[in-house]
């Protein structure tokens, strides 16, 4: 049975666009907080909130990715079991 890789791969351009977009948005948010006309404690609170939201987004993305990889492994194990059963099955074998 030929093996085909059905996993989706991101292009280099898409990965670069995502990284640049992330960097630009984080930089813009931190610059906006820095130049905002407010007390220093308010700026600090908003800056920490921005950094916390950023790290939380990375953590959530990692958890989702790990869950999908776990499901993929279980699916491959189940598929291997089915393939083995089908390979061992002889439809012309007499049942007695």
Foldseek 3Di string as FASTA:
>chain_A
DDDDDPDDDDDPVVVVVVVVVVVVVLVVQLVCLVPDPDDPVVSVVSNVVSVVVVVVVVVVVVVVVVVVVVVVVVVVVVVVVVVVVVVPDDPPDDDD
